[in-house]
C-alpha atoms as a PDB file:
ATOM      1  CA  UNK A   1     196.454 -38.103  69.497  1.00  0.00           C
ATOM      2  CA  UNK A   2     194.249 -35.060  70.065  1.00  0.00           C
ATOM      3  CA  UNK A   3     192.478 -32.527  67.892  1.00  0.00           C
ATOM      4  CA  UNK A   4     190.995 -29.068  68.117  1.00  0.00           C
ATOM      5  CA  UNK A   5     187.686 -29.124  66.285  1.00  0.00           C
ATOM      6  CA  UNK A   6     184.781 -26.746  65.844  1.00  0.00           C
ATOM      7  CA  UNK A   7     181.448 -28.227  66.899  1.00  0.00           C
ATOM      8  CA  UNK A   8     178.205 -26.241  66.764  1.00  0.00           C
ATOM      9  CA  UNK A   9     180.019 -22.906  66.765  1.00  0.00           C
ATOM     10  CA  UNK A  10     182.446 -23.762  69.580  1.00  0.00           C
ATOM     11  CA  UNK A  11     186.026 -25.026  69.576  1.00  0.00           C
ATOM     12  CA  UNK A  12     186.988 -28.094  71.659  1.00  0.00           C
ATOM     13  CA  UNK A  13     190.205 -29.959  72.330  1.00  0.00           C
ATOM     14  CA  UNK A  14     189.223 -33.622  72.066  1.00  0.00           C
ATOM     15  CA  UNK A  15     190.795 -37.076  72.222  1.00  0.00           C
ATOM     16  CA  UNK A  16     189.516 -40.595  71.569  1.00  0.00           C
ATOM     17  CA  UNK A  17     186.910 -41.852  74.110  1.00  0.00           C
ATOM     18  CA  UNK A  18     186.512 -38.367  75.578  1.00  0.00           C
ATOM     19  CA  UNK A  19     182.993 -37.210  76.458  1.00  0.00           C
ATOM     20  CA  UNK A  20     182.104 -33.661  75.462  1.00  0.00           C
ATOM     21  CA  UNK A  21     179.045 -31.485  76.113  1.00  0.00           C
ATOM     22  CA  UNK A  22     178.276 -29.328  73.054  1.00  0.00           C
ATOM     23  CA  UNK A  23     175.414 -27.059  71.998  1.00  0.00           C
ATOM     24  CA  UNK A  24     172.458 -29.214  71.037  1.00  0.00           C
ATOM     25  CA  UNK A  25     172.846 -31.099  67.763  1.00  0.00           C
ATOM     26  CA  UNK A  26     169.946 -32.004  65.458  1.00  0.00           C
ATOM     27  CA  UNK A  27     170.960 -35.661  65.656  1.00  0.00           C
ATOM     28  CA  UNK A  28     169.024 -38.476  67.371  1.00  0.00           C
ATOM     29  CA  UNK A  29     170.522 -40.245  70.349  1.00  0.00           C
ATOM     30  CA  UNK A  30     172.625 -43.263  69.438  1.00  0.00           C
ATOM     31  CA  UNK A  31     173.467 -41.994  65.978  1.00  0.00           C
ATOM     32  CA  UNK A  32     177.004 -41.220  64.768  1.00  0.00           C
ATOM     33  CA  UNK A  33     178.104 -37.820  63.589  1.00  0.00           C
ATOM     34  CA  UNK A  34     181.305 -36.458  62.073  1.00  0.00           C
ATOM     35  CA  UNK A  35     182.915 -33.023  62.115  1.00  0.00           C
ATOM     36  CA  UNK A  36     185.324 -31.945  59.359  1.00  0.00           C
ATOM     37  CA  UNK A  37     186.187 -28.445  60.592  1.00  0.00           C
ATOM     38  CA  UNK A  38     189.373 -29.701  62.324  1.00  0.00           C
ATOM     39  CA  UNK A  39     191.727 -26.822  63.090  1.00  0.00           C
ATOM     40  CA  UNK A  40     194.657 -28.723  64.619  1.00  0.00           C
ATOM     41  CA  UNK A  41     195.810 -32.306  65.127  1.00  0.00           C
ATOM     42  CA  UNK A  42     198.545 -33.288  67.582  1.00  0.00           C
ATOM     43  CA  UNK A  43     200.228 -36.703  67.566  1.00  0.00           C
ATOM     44  CA  UNK A  44     203.177 -36.738  69.937  1.00  0.00           C
ATOM     45  CA  UNK A  45     205.691 -34.167  68.729  1.00  0.00           C
ATOM     46  CA  UNK A  46     203.963 -33.885  65.333  1.00  0.00           C
ATOM     47  CA  UNK A  47     201.463 -31.016  65.089  1.00  0.00           C
ATOM     48  CA  UNK A  48     199.450 -30.278  61.973  1.00  0.00           C
ATOM     49  CA  UNK A  49     197.807 -26.871  61.622  1.00  0.00           C
ATOM     50  CA  UNK A  50     194.954 -26.031  59.313  1.00  0.00           C
ATOM     51  CA  UNK A  51     194.492 -22.905  57.237  1.00  0.00           C
ATOM     52  CA  UNK A  52     192.057 -22.578  58.870  1.00  0.00           C
ATOM     53  CA  UNK A  53     190.901 -26.237  58.677  1.00  0.00           C
ATOM     54  CA  UNK A  54     192.952 -29.318  57.831  1.00  0.00           C
ATOM     55  CA  UNK A  55     191.913 -30.636  54.426  1.00  0.00           C
ATOM     56  CA  UNK A  56     190.554 -34.184  54.757  1.00  0.00           C
ATOM     57  CA  UNK A  57     190.723 -34.364  58.538  1.00  0.00           C
ATOM     58  CA  UNK A  58     187.699 -35.606  60.433  1.00  0.00           C
ATOM     59  CA  UNK A  59     186.529 -36.219  64.005  1.00  0.00           C
ATOM     60  CA  UNK A  60     183.895 -38.927  64.418  1.00  0.00           C
ATOM     61  CA  UNK A  61     181.614 -39.137  67.467  1.00  0.00           C
ATOM     62  CA  UNK A  62     178.468 -40.782  68.777  1.00  0.00           C
ATOM     63  CA  UNK A  63     175.518 -38.938  70.317  1.00  0.00           C
ATOM     64  CA  UNK A  64     174.851 -40.255  73.804  1.00  0.00           C
ATOM     65  CA  UNK A  65     171.999 -38.094  75.021  1.00  0.00           C
ATOM     66  CA  UNK A  66     170.322 -34.679  74.891  1.00  0.00           C
ATOM     67  CA  UNK A  67     170.039 -32.689  78.088  1.00  0.00           C
ATOM     68  CA  UNK A  68     169.902 -29.188  79.566  1.00  0.00           C
ATOM     69  CA  UNK A  69     172.654 -27.307  81.347  1.00  0.00           C
ATOM     70  CA  UNK A  70     172.467 -25.574  84.718  1.00  0.00           C
ATOM     71  CA  UNK A  71     170.074 -22.677  85.039  1.00  0.00           C
ATOM     72  CA  UNK A  72     171.491 -19.200  84.372  1.00  0.00           C
ATOM     73  CA  UNK A  73     169.692 -16.121  85.595  1.00  0.00           C
ATOM     74  CA  UNK A  74     169.347 -13.371  83.013  1.00  0.00           C
ATOM     75  CA  UNK A  75     168.516  -9.983  84.595  1.00  0.00           C
ATOM     76  CA  UNK A  76     167.831  -6.895  82.497  1.00  0.00           C
ATOM     77  CA  UNK A  77     167.432  -3.371  83.905  1.00  0.00           C
ATOM     78  CA  UNK A  78     167.111   0.102  82.455  1.00  0.00           C
ATOM     79  CA  UNK A  79     168.115   3.000  84.690  1.00  0.00           C
ATOM     80  CA  UNK A  80     165.425   5.528  85.609  1.00  0.00           C
ATOM     81  CA  UNK A  81     162.899   3.641  83.467  1.00  0.00           C
ATOM     82  CA  UNK A  82     161.492   1.263  86.026  1.00  0.00           C
ATOM     83  CA  UNK A  83     162.315  -1.628  83.713  1.00  0.00           C
ATOM     84  CA  UNK A  84     163.375  -4.887  85.382  1.00  0.00           C
ATOM     85  CA  UNK A  85     163.073  -8.301  83.815  1.00  0.00           C
ATOM     86  CA  UNK A  86     164.374 -11.521  85.391  1.00  0.00           C
ATOM     87  CA  UNK A  87     164.402 -14.767  83.463  1.00  0.00           C
ATOM     88  CA  UNK A  88     166.008 -18.161  83.863  1.00  0.00           C
ATOM     89  CA  UNK A  89     167.681 -20.002  80.976  1.00  0.00           C
ATOM     90  CA  UNK A  90     168.938 -23.573  80.643  1.00  0.00           C
ATOM     91  CA  UNK A  91     171.065 -24.158  77.562  1.00  0.00           C
ATOM     92  CA  UNK A  92     170.107 -27.167  75.449  1.00  0.00           C
ATOM     93  CA  UNK A  93     173.135 -29.458  75.254  1.00  0.00           C
ATOM     94  CA  UNK A  94     174.149 -32.755  73.646  1.00  0.00           C
ATOM     95  CA  UNK A  95     176.587 -35.208  75.204  1.00  0.00           C
ATOM     96  CA  UNK A  96     178.827 -36.957  72.646  1.00  0.00           C
ATOM     97  CA  UNK A  97     181.735 -39.371  72.910  1.00  0.00           C
ATOM     98  CA  UNK A  98     184.687 -39.059  70.528  1.00  0.00           C
ATOM     99  CA  UNK A  99     185.204 -42.346  68.650  1.00  0.00           C
ATOM    100  CA  UNK A 100     188.037 -41.487  66.256  1.00  0.00           C
ATOM    101  CA  UNK A 101     190.314 -38.776  64.887  1.00  0.00           C
ATOM    102  CA  UNK A 102     191.317 -39.161  61.238  1.00  0.00           C
ATOM    103  CA  UNK A 103     193.847 -37.069  59.355  1.00  0.00           C
ATOM    104  CA  UNK A 104     192.142 -37.953  56.056  1.00  0.00           C
ATOM    105  CA  UNK A 105     188.787 -39.198  54.836  1.00  0.00           C
ATOM    106  CA  UNK A 106     186.511 -36.215  55.280  1.00  0.00           C
ATOM    107  CA  UNK A 107     184.441 -35.016  52.362  1.00  0.00           C
ATOM    108  CA  UNK A 108     185.649 -31.862  50.731  1.00  0.00           C
ATOM    109  CA  UNK A 109     183.333 -28.906  51.256  1.00  0.00           C
ATOM    110  CA  UNK A 110     184.707 -26.624  48.488  1.00  0.00           C
ATOM    111  CA  UNK A 111     181.986 -27.495  45.899  1.00  0.00           C
ATOM    112  CA  UNK A 112     179.293 -26.523  48.396  1.00  0.00           C
ATOM    113  CA  UNK A 113     180.867 -23.143  49.007  1.00  0.00           C
ATOM    114  CA  UNK A 114     180.985 -22.472  45.286  1.00  0.00           C
ATOM    115  CA  UNK A 115     177.327 -23.406  44.929  1.00  0.00           C
ATOM    116  CA  UNK A 116     176.304 -20.987  47.688  1.00  0.00           C
ATOM    117  CA  UNK A 117     178.210 -18.141  46.057  1.00  0.00           C
ATOM    118  CA  UNK A 118     176.500 -18.823  42.737  1.00  0.00           C
ATOM    119  CA  UNK A 119     173.029 -18.834  44.345  1.00  0.00           C
ATOM    120  CA  UNK A 120     173.602 -15.750  46.494  1.00  0.00           C
ATOM    121  CA  UNK A 121     172.300 -13.204  43.916  1.00  0.00           C
ATOM    122  CA  UNK A 122     168.991 -15.096  43.577  1.00  0.00           C
ATOM    123  CA  UNK A 123     168.521 -15.035  47.351  1.00  0.00           C
ATOM    124  CA  UNK A 124     168.977 -11.257  47.467  1.00  0.00           C
ATOM    125  CA  UNK A 125     166.225 -10.812  44.850  1.00  0.00           C
ATOM    126  CA  UNK A 126     163.838 -12.889  46.991  1.00  0.00           C
ATOM    127  CA  UNK A 127     164.346 -10.771  50.162  1.00  0.00           C
ATOM    128  CA  UNK A 128     162.052  -8.007  48.863  1.00  0.00           C
ATOM    129  CA  UNK A 129     158.933 -10.085  49.548  1.00  0.00           C
ATOM    130  CA  UNK A 130     160.337 -11.925  52.560  1.00  0.00           C
ATOM    131  CA  UNK A 131     158.565 -11.876  55.941  1.00  0.00           C
ATOM    132  CA  UNK A 132     160.457 -10.759  59.044  1.00  0.00           C
ATOM    133  CA  UNK A 133     161.514 -14.242  60.098  1.00  0.00           C
ATOM    134  CA  UNK A 134     163.383 -12.795  63.080  1.00  0.00           C
ATOM    135  CA  UNK A 135     159.990 -12.683  64.832  1.00  0.00           C
ATOM    136  CA  UNK A 136     160.380 -16.441  65.261  1.00  0.00           C
ATOM    137  CA  UNK A 137     161.873 -17.094  68.699  1.00  0.00           C
ATOM    138  CA  UNK A 138     165.488 -18.222  68.247  1.00  0.00           C
ATOM    139  CA  UNK A 139     165.829 -16.987  64.659  1.00  0.00           C
ATOM    140  CA  UNK A 140     168.386 -14.200  64.618  1.00  0.00           C
ATOM    141  CA  UNK A 141     169.513 -12.242  61.528  1.00  0.00           C
ATOM    142  CA  UNK A 142     171.929 -14.959  60.335  1.00  0.00           C
ATOM    143  CA  UNK A 143     169.393 -17.745  60.779  1.00  0.00           C
ATOM    144  CA  UNK A 144     166.718 -15.717  59.002  1.00  0.00           C
ATOM    145  CA  UNK A 145     169.131 -15.069  56.119  1.00  0.00           C
ATOM    146  CA  UNK A 146     169.919 -18.787  55.868  1.00  0.00           C
ATOM    147  CA  UNK A 147     166.213 -19.610  55.580  1.00  0.00           C
ATOM    148  CA  UNK A 148     165.691 -16.984  52.894  1.00  0.00           C
ATOM    149  CA  UNK A 149     168.682 -18.292  50.945  1.00  0.00           C
ATOM    150  CA  UNK A 150     167.140 -21.733  51.095  1.00  0.00           C
ATOM    151  CA  UNK A 151     163.865 -20.421  49.586  1.00  0.00           C
ATOM    152  CA  UNK A 152     161.904 -20.253  52.848  1.00  0.00           C
ATOM    153  CA  UNK A 153     161.352 -16.507  52.856  1.00  0.00           C
ATOM    154  CA  UNK A 154     157.819 -16.440  54.269  1.00  0.00           C
ATOM    155  CA  UNK A 155     156.175 -17.629  57.468  1.00  0.00           C
ATOM    156  CA  UNK A 156     153.914 -19.864  55.391  1.00  0.00           C
ATOM    157  CA  UNK A 157     156.861 -21.721  53.849  1.00  0.00           C
ATOM    158  CA  UNK A 158     158.620 -22.134  57.195  1.00  0.00           C
ATOM    159  CA  UNK A 159     155.389 -23.510  58.680  1.00  0.00           C
ATOM    160  CA  UNK A 160     155.321 -26.265  56.050  1.00  0.00           C
ATOM    161  CA  UNK A 161     158.930 -27.349  56.718  1.00  0.00           C
ATOM    162  CA  UNK A 162     159.968 -30.002  59.240  1.00  0.00           C
ATOM    163  CA  UNK A 163     162.217 -29.103  62.169  1.00  0.00           C
ATOM    164  CA  UNK A 164     164.883 -31.512  60.874  1.00  0.00           C
ATOM    165  CA  UNK A 165     164.852 -29.760  57.497  1.00  0.00           C
ATOM    166  CA  UNK A 166     165.275 -26.361  59.160  1.00  0.00           C
ATOM    167  CA  UNK A 167     168.152 -27.637  61.291  1.00  0.00           C
ATOM    168  CA  UNK A 168     169.890 -28.986  58.216  1.00  0.00           C
ATOM    169  CA  UNK A 169     169.532 -25.660  56.447  1.00  0.00           C
ATOM    170  CA  UNK A 170     171.117 -23.819  59.370  1.00  0.00           C
ATOM    171  CA  UNK A 171     173.927 -26.377  59.737  1.00  0.00           C
ATOM    172  CA  UNK A 172     174.807 -26.152  56.032  1.00  0.00           C
ATOM    173  CA  UNK A 173     174.737 -22.363  56.158  1.00  0.00           C
ATOM    174  CA  UNK A 174     177.158 -22.088  59.097  1.00  0.00           C
ATOM    175  CA  UNK A 175     178.476 -24.322  61.872  1.00  0.00           C
ATOM    176  CA  UNK A 176     177.700 -21.448  64.239  1.00  0.00           C
ATOM    177  CA  UNK A 177     173.980 -22.020  63.585  1.00  0.00           C
ATOM    178  CA  UNK A 178     174.020 -25.793  64.049  1.00  0.00           C
ATOM    179  CA  UNK A 179     173.167 -25.615  67.755  1.00  0.00           C
ATOM    180  CA  UNK A 180     169.873 -23.707  67.284  1.00  0.00           C
ATOM    181  CA  UNK A 181     166.817 -25.724  68.298  1.00  0.00           C
ATOM    182  CA  UNK A 182     164.123 -25.479  65.585  1.00  0.00           C
ATOM    183  CA  UNK A 183     161.518 -27.839  67.129  1.00  0.00           C
ATOM    184  CA  UNK A 184     158.817 -25.123  67.435  1.00  0.00           C
ATOM    185  CA  UNK A 185     159.677 -22.982  64.406  1.00  0.00           C
ATOM    186  CA  UNK A 186     156.967 -24.451  62.131  1.00  0.00           C
ATOM    187  CA  UNK A 187     154.381 -23.940  64.848  1.00  0.00           C
ATOM    188  CA  UNK A 188     155.510 -20.368  65.462  1.00  0.00           C
ATOM    189  CA  UNK A 189     155.611 -19.620  61.758  1.00  0.00           C
ATOM    190  CA  UNK A 190     152.031 -20.978  61.327  1.00  0.00           C
ATOM    191  CA  UNK A 191     150.738 -18.618  64.015  1.00  0.00           C
ATOM    192  CA  UNK A 192     152.602 -15.711  62.442  1.00  0.00           C
ATOM    193  CA  UNK A 193     151.314 -16.589  58.943  1.00  0.00           C
ATOM    194  CA  UNK A 194     147.743 -16.645  60.292  1.00  0.00           C
ATOM    195  CA  UNK A 195     148.243 -13.309  62.063  1.00  0.00           C
ATOM    196  CA  UNK A 196     147.745 -14.818  65.528  1.00  0.00           C
ATOM    197  CA  UNK A 197     150.341 -12.645  67.196  1.00  0.00           C
ATOM    198  CA  UNK A 198     148.848 -12.912  70.721  1.00  0.00           C
ATOM    199  CA  UNK A 199     148.973 -16.699  70.566  1.00  0.00           C
ATOM    200  CA  UNK A 200     152.502 -16.529  69.194  1.00  0.00           C
ATOM    201  CA  UNK A 201     153.558 -14.330  72.142  1.00  0.00           C
ATOM    202  CA  UNK A 202     152.011 -16.810  74.582  1.00  0.00           C
ATOM    203  CA  UNK A 203     153.851 -19.707  72.898  1.00  0.00           C
ATOM    204  CA  UNK A 204     157.176 -17.859  72.987  1.00  0.00           C
ATOM    205  CA  UNK A 205     156.730 -17.071  76.681  1.00  0.00           C
ATOM    206  CA  UNK A 206     156.569 -20.826  77.311  1.00  0.00           C
ATOM    207  CA  UNK A 207     159.776 -21.594  75.424  1.00  0.00           C
ATOM    208  CA  UNK A 208     162.932 -22.568  77.261  1.00  0.00           C
ATOM    209  CA  UNK A 209     166.001 -22.861  75.080  1.00  0.00           C
ATOM    210  CA  UNK A 210     163.800 -23.228  72.036  1.00  0.00           C
ATOM    211  CA  UNK A 211     161.762 -26.076  73.596  1.00  0.00           C
ATOM    212  CA  UNK A 212     158.122 -25.697  74.668  1.00  0.00           C
ATOM    213  CA  UNK A 213     157.636 -26.159  78.408  1.00  0.00           C
END
């Protein structure tokens, strides 16, 4: 039996006992984790397709370790501007082992979607006084929107949150945000809230894949 499942914004074809490297998960080593966004399950000649996900299907795995991928060189250049920037990047990864593939047993996510739709108008009203959370290294527009929707619309509120809480907010907002490393977000937000932009820039220059060097 095999399955095609979405994990941290990427799709993988997995089977029992297979080891997979995925974008870093906010789960401690040794803990178990399950993924319910299963797009396809194959069992011999029987193939079940989701629309887009299979209702009740679930892939269970165990987190083996967190690590970093090979270094990738990122080179930026602007013609006739004298602008050249060369940086190295190592993606933060998590190694997991697939323990089981179930065609039923996953928790239904429909109620959560309905709750988000109901709360959406309130989140839009709060954006008027929101800080520009995109100034936090690693927080793009979608991540910033997820924080605002969760009531963390200012640097001060993000600074008071724990990295695990921030990771849970992103994961619940979208599986494509689950891989983002939030370890330094409270520290960055505290510097931004205090107006210490130079210190924030120095901290961000030390970051590698969202982790402080």
